[in-house]
Amino acid sequence: MAWNVIYYRKENNEEPVKEFITTLPPKHRAKALWEVRLLA
């Protein structure tokens, strides 16, 4: 079964968690995205 990850979105359409992940260095970003996929 496939799951979709839905990031928290503020009323002004900002997605702070997604924005934080994109600011991480590549190695940390890859690990964070891997962990998000595990949660899915």
Protein backbone atom coordinates (compact mmCIF):
# COMPACT_ATOMS: atom_id res chain seq x y z
CA MET A 1 0.00 0.00 0.00
CA ALA A 2 1.39 3.41 -0.97
CA TRP A 3 1.05 6.43 1.30
CA ASN A 4 1.26 10.12 0.50
CA VAL A 5 3.12 12.47 2.78
CA ILE A 6 1.29 15.74 3.36
CA TYR A 7 3.41 18.48 4.86
CA TYR A 8 1.96 20.91 7.39
CA ARG A 9 0.71 24.03 5.60
CA LYS A 10 0.02 27.39 7.24
CA GLU A 11 -2.94 29.59 6.32
CA ASN A 12 -0.66 31.63 4.02
CA ASN A 13 0.28 28.40 2.15
CA GLU A 14 3.82 28.25 3.57
CA GLU A 15 5.13 24.75 4.29
CA PRO A 16 7.73 25.34 7.03
CA VAL A 17 8.84 21.72 7.36
CA LYS A 18 9.35 21.33 3.61
CA GLU A 19 11.16 24.69 3.47
CA PHE A 20 13.42 23.62 6.34
CA ILE A 21 14.31 20.36 4.63
CA THR A 22 15.27 22.17 1.42
CA THR A 23 17.70 24.40 3.35
CA LEU A 24 19.66 21.45 4.76
CA PRO A 25 23.04 20.46 3.30
CA PRO A 26 22.65 17.69 0.68
CA LYS A 27 23.76 14.85 2.99
CA HIS A 28 21.37 15.88 5.77
CA ARG A 29 18.56 16.56 3.28
CA ALA A 30 18.93 13.06 1.85
CA LYS A 31 18.73 11.53 5.33
CA ALA A 32 15.70 13.64 6.29
CA LEU A 33 13.85 12.70 3.08
CA TRP A 34 14.75 9.04 3.61
CA GLU A 35 13.23 9.22 7.10
CA VAL A 36 10.09 10.89 5.75
CA ARG A 37 9.77 8.04 3.23
CA LEU A 38 10.09 5.56 6.11
CA LEU A 39 7.18 7.27 7.85
CA ALA A 40 5.11 7.02 4.68
